[in-house]
Amino acid sequence: MAVSVGSDLSVRVTEDVNVTKMSDAHQALRASLHKGEPKAMGVSQVMLGLMVMIYSIPLYFTEFTQVVSVGTPWWSGLVFITAGAAAIITEKHCSIKSLRVCVLLTAVSILVSLVALLVYIVDLIKNPEVPCVASDYSPCDDKHHAIKLSRGVKSSLFLFTLTQTAISSTFCFLFYRERQNFTTASLYTSLRPGAPPSPTSATPIIEAEQ
């Protein structure tokens, strides 16, 4: 609101045009983000992060390889959960600041996903399946079954991480586009010649008696 005082000492309260336009811009940003369902995508990222961490537990009961040595499922899963939580918070508290943080965390999630995918690929290449060697108690020895289980788990983690990469890439693109549209619209609104400036103070004008 803007307050102005006339020459007859009458006080008029008017609505600040710029504040109204910024409020409308925030409402448009919130509506636009809701179309992209950030909460649904955020929940998907959190679930994928939890699945990556839980599914990796059997790897600690088999032979330790590159994936287990560097703890890939754990730090990648934590990053996925953090990025998903940021997306959920952004929908509840829609603002430029929260949007920037969410875009940053989603971009970090993409980089982490790519690094994790590389680790999984290298691990699967360096640890191929061993041939089945029959023993007195089973058609194949324990090492064959252990490596087969390990490769199966790593393949599942690879698919989860690949899905996370696709979700994060799509989400980051949508968030970045909305942020750019909002920033451009706000700048255009503030620079339009037709937009009156907001009064910062009101000074009463008293005419001298004749």
C-alpha atoms as a PDB file:
ATOM      1  CA  MET A   1       0.000   0.000   0.000  1.00  0.00           C
ATOM      2  CA  ALA A   2       0.986   3.633  -0.568  1.00  0.00           C
ATOM      3  CA  VAL A   3      -0.119   6.592   1.566  1.00  0.00           C
ATOM      4  CA  SER A   4      -0.472  10.079   0.154  1.00  0.00           C
ATOM      5  CA  VAL A   5      -1.535  13.317   1.853  1.00  0.00           C
ATOM      6  CA  GLY A   6      -3.328  15.987  -0.108  1.00  0.00           C
ATOM      7  CA  SER A   7      -3.206  19.765   0.270  1.00  0.00           C
ATOM      8  CA  ASP A   8      -6.368  19.650   2.357  1.00  0.00           C
ATOM      9  CA  LEU A   9      -4.667  17.229   4.782  1.00  0.00           C
ATOM     10  CA  SER A  10      -6.786  14.366   3.537  1.00  0.00           C
ATOM     11  CA  VAL A  11      -5.079  10.988   3.696  1.00  0.00           C
ATOM     12  CA  ARG A  12      -5.480   8.564   0.826  1.00  0.00           C
ATOM     13  CA  VAL A  13      -4.381   4.955   0.949  1.00  0.00           C
ATOM     14  CA  THR A  14      -3.706   3.472  -2.471  1.00  0.00           C
ATOM     15  CA  GLU A  15      -2.439   0.085  -3.558  1.00  0.00           C
ATOM     16  CA  ASP A  16       1.208  -0.176  -4.556  1.00  0.00           C
ATOM     17  CA  VAL A  17       1.226  -1.255  -8.202  1.00  0.00           C
ATOM     18  CA  ASN A  18       4.682  -2.829  -8.037  1.00  0.00           C
ATOM     19  CA  VAL A  19       3.845  -4.851  -4.925  1.00  0.00           C
ATOM     20  CA  THR A  20       0.661  -6.090  -6.574  1.00  0.00           C
ATOM     21  CA  LYS A  21       2.539  -7.128  -9.694  1.00  0.00           C
ATOM     22  CA  MET A  22       5.214  -8.945  -7.690  1.00  0.00           C
ATOM     23  CA  SER A  23       2.502 -10.743  -5.739  1.00  0.00           C
ATOM     24  CA  ASP A  24       0.849 -11.755  -9.005  1.00  0.00           C
ATOM     25  CA  ALA A  25       4.219 -12.955 -10.299  1.00  0.00           C
ATOM     26  CA  HIS A  26       4.718 -15.128  -7.210  1.00  0.00           C
ATOM     27  CA  GLN A  27       1.267 -16.610  -7.660  1.00  0.00           C
ATOM     28  CA  ALA A  28       2.024 -17.311 -11.328  1.00  0.00           C
ATOM     29  CA  LEU A  29       5.328 -18.951 -10.345  1.00  0.00           C
ATOM     30  CA  ARG A  30       3.596 -21.129  -7.768  1.00  0.00           C
ATOM     31  CA  ALA A  31       0.910 -22.169 -10.265  1.00  0.00           C
ATOM     32  CA  SER A  32       3.533 -22.916 -12.905  1.00  0.00           C
ATOM     33  CA  LEU A  33       5.558 -25.060 -10.503  1.00  0.00           C
ATOM     34  CA  HIS A  34       2.467 -26.964  -9.448  1.00  0.00           C
ATOM     35  CA  LYS A  35       1.960 -27.956 -13.078  1.00  0.00           C
ATOM     36  CA  GLY A  36       5.337 -29.681 -12.961  1.00  0.00           C
ATOM     37  CA  GLU A  37       4.347 -31.570  -9.784  1.00  0.00           C
ATOM     38  CA  PRO A  38       7.590 -30.906  -7.839  1.00  0.00           C
ATOM     39  CA  LYS A  39       6.249 -32.791  -4.829  1.00  0.00           C
ATOM     40  CA  ALA A  40       5.699 -35.966  -6.869  1.00  0.00           C
ATOM     41  CA  MET A  41       9.160 -35.728  -8.411  1.00  0.00           C
ATOM     42  CA  GLY A  42      10.684 -34.969  -5.018  1.00  0.00           C
ATOM     43  CA  VAL A  43       9.045 -38.021  -3.462  1.00  0.00           C
ATOM     44  CA  SER A  44      10.306 -40.117  -6.387  1.00  0.00           C
ATOM     45  CA  GLN A  45      13.860 -38.929  -5.757  1.00  0.00           C
ATOM     46  CA  VAL A  46      13.605 -39.653  -2.037  1.00  0.00           C
ATOM     47  CA  MET A  47      12.258 -43.152  -2.707  1.00  0.00           C
ATOM     48  CA  LEU A  48      14.997 -43.869  -5.240  1.00  0.00           C
ATOM     49  CA  GLY A  49      17.628 -42.707  -2.765  1.00  0.00           C
ATOM     50  CA  LEU A  50      16.249 -45.003  -0.072  1.00  0.00           C
ATOM     51  CA  MET A  51      16.025 -47.932  -2.496  1.00  0.00           C
ATOM     52  CA  VAL A  52      19.642 -47.443  -3.581  1.00  0.00           C
ATOM     53  CA  MET A  53      20.832 -47.486   0.029  1.00  0.00           C
ATOM     54  CA  ILE A  54      18.664 -50.442   1.104  1.00  0.00           C
ATOM     55  CA  TYR A  55      19.367 -52.570  -1.964  1.00  0.00           C
ATOM     56  CA  SER A  56      23.107 -52.131  -1.462  1.00  0.00           C
ATOM     57  CA  ILE A  57      23.107 -53.886   1.927  1.00  0.00           C
ATOM     58  CA  PRO A  58      23.626 -57.420   0.451  1.00  0.00           C
ATOM     59  CA  LEU A  59      26.855 -56.169  -1.175  1.00  0.00           C
ATOM     60  CA  TYR A  60      28.453 -55.932   2.268  1.00  0.00           C
ATOM     61  CA  PHE A  61      28.003 -59.679   2.746  1.00  0.00           C
ATOM     62  CA  THR A  62      29.786 -60.573  -0.489  1.00  0.00           C
ATOM     63  CA  GLU A  63      33.204 -59.791  -1.871  1.00  0.00           C
ATOM     64  CA  PHE A  64      34.123 -56.103  -1.472  1.00  0.00           C
ATOM     65  CA  THR A  65      34.558 -54.434  -4.862  1.00  0.00           C
ATOM     66  CA  GLN A  66      34.919 -50.840  -6.089  1.00  0.00           C
ATOM     67  CA  VAL A  67      31.271 -49.976  -5.435  1.00  0.00           C
ATOM     68  CA  VAL A  68      31.459 -51.042  -1.791  1.00  0.00           C
ATOM     69  CA  SER A  69      34.972 -49.697  -1.202  1.00  0.00           C
ATOM     70  CA  VAL A  70      34.061 -46.106  -2.085  1.00  0.00           C
ATOM     71  CA  GLY A  71      30.533 -46.345  -0.631  1.00  0.00           C
ATOM     72  CA  THR A  72      28.845 -45.337  -3.877  1.00  0.00           C
ATOM     73  CA  PRO A  73      25.276 -46.351  -2.913  1.00  0.00           C
ATOM     74  CA  TRP A  74      25.421 -44.398   0.340  1.00  0.00           C
ATOM     75  CA  TRP A  75      26.696 -41.010  -0.770  1.00  0.00           C
ATOM     76  CA  SER A  76      24.669 -41.130  -3.985  1.00  0.00           C
ATOM     77  CA  GLY A  77      21.535 -42.156  -2.076  1.00  0.00           C
ATOM     78  CA  LEU A  78      21.978 -39.329   0.440  1.00  0.00           C
ATOM     79  CA  VAL A  79      22.319 -36.788  -2.374  1.00  0.00           C
ATOM     80  CA  PHE A  80      19.153 -38.124  -4.041  1.00  0.00           C
ATOM     81  CA  ILE A  81      17.227 -37.844  -0.778  1.00  0.00           C
ATOM     82  CA  THR A  82      18.484 -34.282  -0.190  1.00  0.00           C
ATOM     83  CA  ALA A  83      17.520 -33.160  -3.692  1.00  0.00           C
ATOM     84  CA  GLY A  84      14.075 -34.736  -3.337  1.00  0.00           C
ATOM     85  CA  ALA A  85      13.488 -33.084   0.042  1.00  0.00           C
ATOM     86  CA  ALA A  86      14.444 -29.710  -1.465  1.00  0.00           C
ATOM     87  CA  ALA A  87      11.875 -30.214  -4.242  1.00  0.00           C
ATOM     88  CA  ILE A  88       9.144 -30.995  -1.717  1.00  0.00           C
ATOM     89  CA  ILE A  89      10.020 -27.917   0.361  1.00  0.00           C
ATOM     90  CA  THR A  90      10.047 -25.729  -2.759  1.00  0.00           C
ATOM     91  CA  GLU A  91       6.428 -26.598  -3.499  1.00  0.00           C
ATOM     92  CA  LYS A  92       5.369 -25.686   0.043  1.00  0.00           C
ATOM     93  CA  HIS A  93       7.463 -22.495   0.257  1.00  0.00           C
ATOM     94  CA  CYS A  94       7.626 -21.200  -3.280  1.00  0.00           C
ATOM     95  CA  SER A  95      10.174 -18.411  -3.633  1.00  0.00           C
ATOM     96  CA  ILE A  96      13.116 -17.451  -5.819  1.00  0.00           C
ATOM     97  CA  LYS A  97      15.567 -18.376  -3.051  1.00  0.00           C
ATOM     98  CA  SER A  98      14.128 -21.860  -2.536  1.00  0.00           C
ATOM     99  CA  LEU A  99      13.963 -22.315  -6.299  1.00  0.00           C
ATOM    100  CA  ARG A 100      17.663 -21.479  -6.667  1.00  0.00           C
ATOM    101  CA  VAL A 101      18.606 -23.908  -3.904  1.00  0.00           C
ATOM    102  CA  CYS A 102      16.484 -26.631  -5.477  1.00  0.00           C
ATOM    103  CA  VAL A 103      18.032 -26.079  -8.919  1.00  0.00           C
ATOM    104  CA  LEU A 104      21.520 -26.208  -7.406  1.00  0.00           C
ATOM    105  CA  LEU A 105      20.849 -29.422  -5.480  1.00  0.00           C
ATOM    106  CA  THR A 106      19.215 -31.025  -8.509  1.00  0.00           C
ATOM    107  CA  ALA A 107      22.256 -30.151 -10.638  1.00  0.00           C
ATOM    108  CA  VAL A 108      24.514 -31.686  -7.978  1.00  0.00           C
ATOM    109  CA  SER A 109      22.296 -34.771  -8.019  1.00  0.00           C
ATOM    110  CA  ILE A 110      22.819 -35.090 -11.778  1.00  0.00           C
ATOM    111  CA  LEU A 111      26.607 -34.916 -11.406  1.00  0.00           C
ATOM    112  CA  VAL A 112      26.571 -37.437  -8.561  1.00  0.00           C
ATOM    113  CA  SER A 113      24.368 -39.760 -10.623  1.00  0.00           C
ATOM    114  CA  LEU A 114      26.782 -39.640 -13.544  1.00  0.00           C
ATOM    115  CA  VAL A 115      29.753 -40.385 -11.275  1.00  0.00           C
ATOM    116  CA  ALA A 116      27.865 -43.266  -9.649  1.00  0.00           C
ATOM    117  CA  LEU A 117      26.931 -44.699 -13.055  1.00  0.00           C
ATOM    118  CA  LEU A 118      30.598 -44.613 -14.058  1.00  0.00           C
ATOM    119  CA  VAL A 119      31.587 -46.438 -10.860  1.00  0.00           C
ATOM    120  CA  TYR A 120      28.961 -49.143 -11.468  1.00  0.00           C
ATOM    121  CA  ILE A 121      30.102 -49.664 -15.054  1.00  0.00           C
ATOM    122  CA  VAL A 122      33.771 -49.941 -14.066  1.00  0.00           C
ATOM    123  CA  ASP A 123      32.903 -52.332 -11.251  1.00  0.00           C
ATOM    124  CA  LEU A 124      30.834 -54.612 -13.492  1.00  0.00           C
ATOM    125  CA  ILE A 125      33.604 -54.687 -16.094  1.00  0.00           C
ATOM    126  CA  LYS A 126      36.351 -55.458 -13.601  1.00  0.00           C
ATOM    127  CA  ASN A 127      34.348 -58.135 -11.810  1.00  0.00           C
ATOM    128  CA  PRO A 128      32.876 -60.442 -14.448  1.00  0.00           C
ATOM    129  CA  GLU A 129      31.035 -63.647 -13.668  1.00  0.00           C
ATOM    130  CA  VAL A 130      33.179 -66.649 -12.851  1.00  0.00           C
ATOM    131  CA  PRO A 131      32.483 -69.997 -14.501  1.00  0.00           C
ATOM    132  CA  CYS A 132      30.448 -72.504 -12.587  1.00  0.00           C
ATOM    133  CA  VAL A 133      32.650 -75.107 -10.913  1.00  0.00           C
ATOM    134  CA  ALA A 134      30.802 -78.128  -9.582  1.00  0.00           C
ATOM    135  CA  SER A 135      31.457 -79.347  -6.071  1.00  0.00           C
ATOM    136  CA  ASP A 136      30.354 -82.295  -3.996  1.00  0.00           C
ATOM    137  CA  TYR A 137      27.412 -80.389  -2.483  1.00  0.00           C
ATOM    138  CA  SER A 138      26.171 -78.131  -5.306  1.00  0.00           C
ATOM    139  CA  PRO A 139      26.414 -77.803  -9.084  1.00  0.00           C
ATOM    140  CA  CYS A 140      28.352 -74.527  -8.638  1.00  0.00           C
ATOM    141  CA  ASP A 141      30.697 -73.268  -5.962  1.00  0.00           C
ATOM    142  CA  ASP A 142      29.928 -70.452  -3.518  1.00  0.00           C
ATOM    143  CA  LYS A 143      32.083 -67.908  -5.323  1.00  0.00           C
ATOM    144  CA  HIS A 144      30.003 -68.248  -8.466  1.00  0.00           C
ATOM    145  CA  HIS A 145      26.764 -67.606  -6.568  1.00  0.00           C
ATOM    146  CA  ALA A 146      28.278 -64.712  -4.596  1.00  0.00           C
ATOM    147  CA  ILE A 147      29.518 -62.909  -7.693  1.00  0.00           C
ATOM    148  CA  LYS A 148      26.262 -63.565  -9.511  1.00  0.00           C
ATOM    149  CA  LEU A 149      24.311 -62.058  -6.602  1.00  0.00           C
ATOM    150  CA  SER A 150      26.693 -59.096  -6.445  1.00  0.00           C
ATOM    151  CA  ARG A 151      26.363 -58.365 -10.158  1.00  0.00           C
ATOM    152  CA  GLY A 152      22.593 -58.623  -9.958  1.00  0.00           C
ATOM    153  CA  VAL A 153      22.425 -56.126  -7.113  1.00  0.00           C
ATOM    154  CA  LYS A 154      24.795 -53.734  -8.887  1.00  0.00           C
ATOM    155  CA  SER A 155      22.726 -53.964 -12.066  1.00  0.00           C
ATOM    156  CA  SER A 156      19.623 -52.995 -10.069  1.00  0.00           C
ATOM    157  CA  LEU A 157      21.478 -50.074  -8.477  1.00  0.00           C
ATOM    158  CA  PHE A 158      22.647 -49.011 -11.917  1.00  0.00           C
ATOM    159  CA  LEU A 159      19.032 -48.916 -13.178  1.00  0.00           C
ATOM    160  CA  PHE A 160      17.871 -46.969 -10.106  1.00  0.00           C
ATOM    161  CA  THR A 161      20.665 -44.440 -10.574  1.00  0.00           C
ATOM    162  CA  LEU A 162      19.911 -44.135 -14.291  1.00  0.00           C
ATOM    163  CA  THR A 163      16.268 -43.402 -13.451  1.00  0.00           C
ATOM    164  CA  GLN A 164      17.390 -40.805 -10.935  1.00  0.00           C
ATOM    165  CA  THR A 165      19.558 -39.168 -13.599  1.00  0.00           C
ATOM    166  CA  ALA A 166      16.574 -38.872 -15.953  1.00  0.00           C
ATOM    167  CA  ILE A 167      14.304 -37.466 -13.225  1.00  0.00           C
ATOM    168  CA  SER A 168      16.909 -34.966 -12.011  1.00  0.00           C
ATOM    169  CA  SER A 169      17.709 -33.798 -15.553  1.00  0.00           C
ATOM    170  CA  THR A 170      14.031 -33.217 -16.358  1.00  0.00           C
ATOM    171  CA  PHE A 171      13.393 -31.549 -13.023  1.00  0.00           C
ATOM    172  CA  CYS A 172      16.451 -29.296 -13.286  1.00  0.00           C
ATOM    173  CA  PHE A 173      15.426 -28.162 -16.772  1.00  0.00           C
ATOM    174  CA  LEU A 174      11.876 -27.346 -15.656  1.00  0.00           C
ATOM    175  CA  PHE A 175      13.035 -25.497 -12.532  1.00  0.00           C
ATOM    176  CA  TYR A 176      15.689 -23.538 -14.387  1.00  0.00           C
ATOM    177  CA  ARG A 177      13.203 -22.523 -17.075  1.00  0.00           C
ATOM    178  CA  GLU A 178      10.656 -21.349 -14.502  1.00  0.00           C
ATOM    179  CA  ARG A 179      13.328 -19.407 -12.645  1.00  0.00           C
ATOM    180  CA  GLN A 180      14.429 -17.689 -15.840  1.00  0.00           C
ATOM    181  CA  ASN A 181      10.845 -16.865 -16.829  1.00  0.00           C
ATOM    182  CA  PHE A 182      10.100 -15.427 -13.399  1.00  0.00           C
ATOM    183  CA  THR A 183      13.289 -13.344 -13.332  1.00  0.00           C
ATOM    184  CA  THR A 184      12.679 -12.002 -16.833  1.00  0.00           C
ATOM    185  CA  ALA A 185       9.059 -11.175 -16.083  1.00  0.00           C
ATOM    186  CA  SER A 186       9.985  -9.387 -12.851  1.00  0.00           C
ATOM    187  CA  LEU A 187      12.685  -7.355 -14.584  1.00  0.00           C
ATOM    188  CA  TYR A 188      10.340  -6.432 -17.423  1.00  0.00           C
ATOM    189  CA  THR A 189       7.657  -5.340 -14.981  1.00  0.00           C
ATOM    190  CA  SER A 190      10.037  -3.133 -12.997  1.00  0.00           C
ATOM    191  CA  LEU A 191      11.419  -1.441 -16.127  1.00  0.00           C
ATOM    192  CA  ARG A 192       8.124  -0.782 -17.893  1.00  0.00           C
ATOM    193  CA  PRO A 193       7.604   2.979 -18.443  1.00  0.00           C
ATOM    194  CA  GLY A 194       3.927   2.675 -17.565  1.00  0.00           C
ATOM    195  CA  ALA A 195       4.582   1.354 -14.079  1.00  0.00           C
ATOM    196  CA  PRO A 196       4.387   4.224 -11.588  1.00  0.00           C
ATOM    197  CA  PRO A 197       7.083   4.394  -8.923  1.00  0.00           C
ATOM    198  CA  SER A 198       6.177   3.434  -5.402  1.00  0.00           C
ATOM    199  CA  PRO A 199       6.122   6.363  -2.972  1.00  0.00           C
ATOM    200  CA  THR A 200       8.464   5.899  -0.082  1.00  0.00           C
ATOM    201  CA  SER A 201       7.291   8.760   2.076  1.00  0.00           C
ATOM    202  CA  ALA A 202       4.440  11.196   2.270  1.00  0.00           C
ATOM    203  CA  THR A 203       4.901  14.861   3.101  1.00  0.00           C
ATOM    204  CA  PRO A 204       1.850  16.893   4.028  1.00  0.00           C
ATOM    205  CA  ILE A 205       1.355  20.063   1.994  1.00  0.00           C
ATOM    206  CA  ILE A 206      -0.269  22.909   3.922  1.00  0.00           C
ATOM    207  CA  GLU A 207      -1.235  26.004   2.003  1.00  0.00           C
ATOM    208  CA  ALA A 208      -0.531  29.300   3.671  1.00  0.00           C
ATOM    209  CA  GLU A 209      -3.568  31.293   4.643  1.00  0.00           C
ATOM    210  CA  GLN A 210      -4.151  34.284   2.452  1.00  0.00           C
END
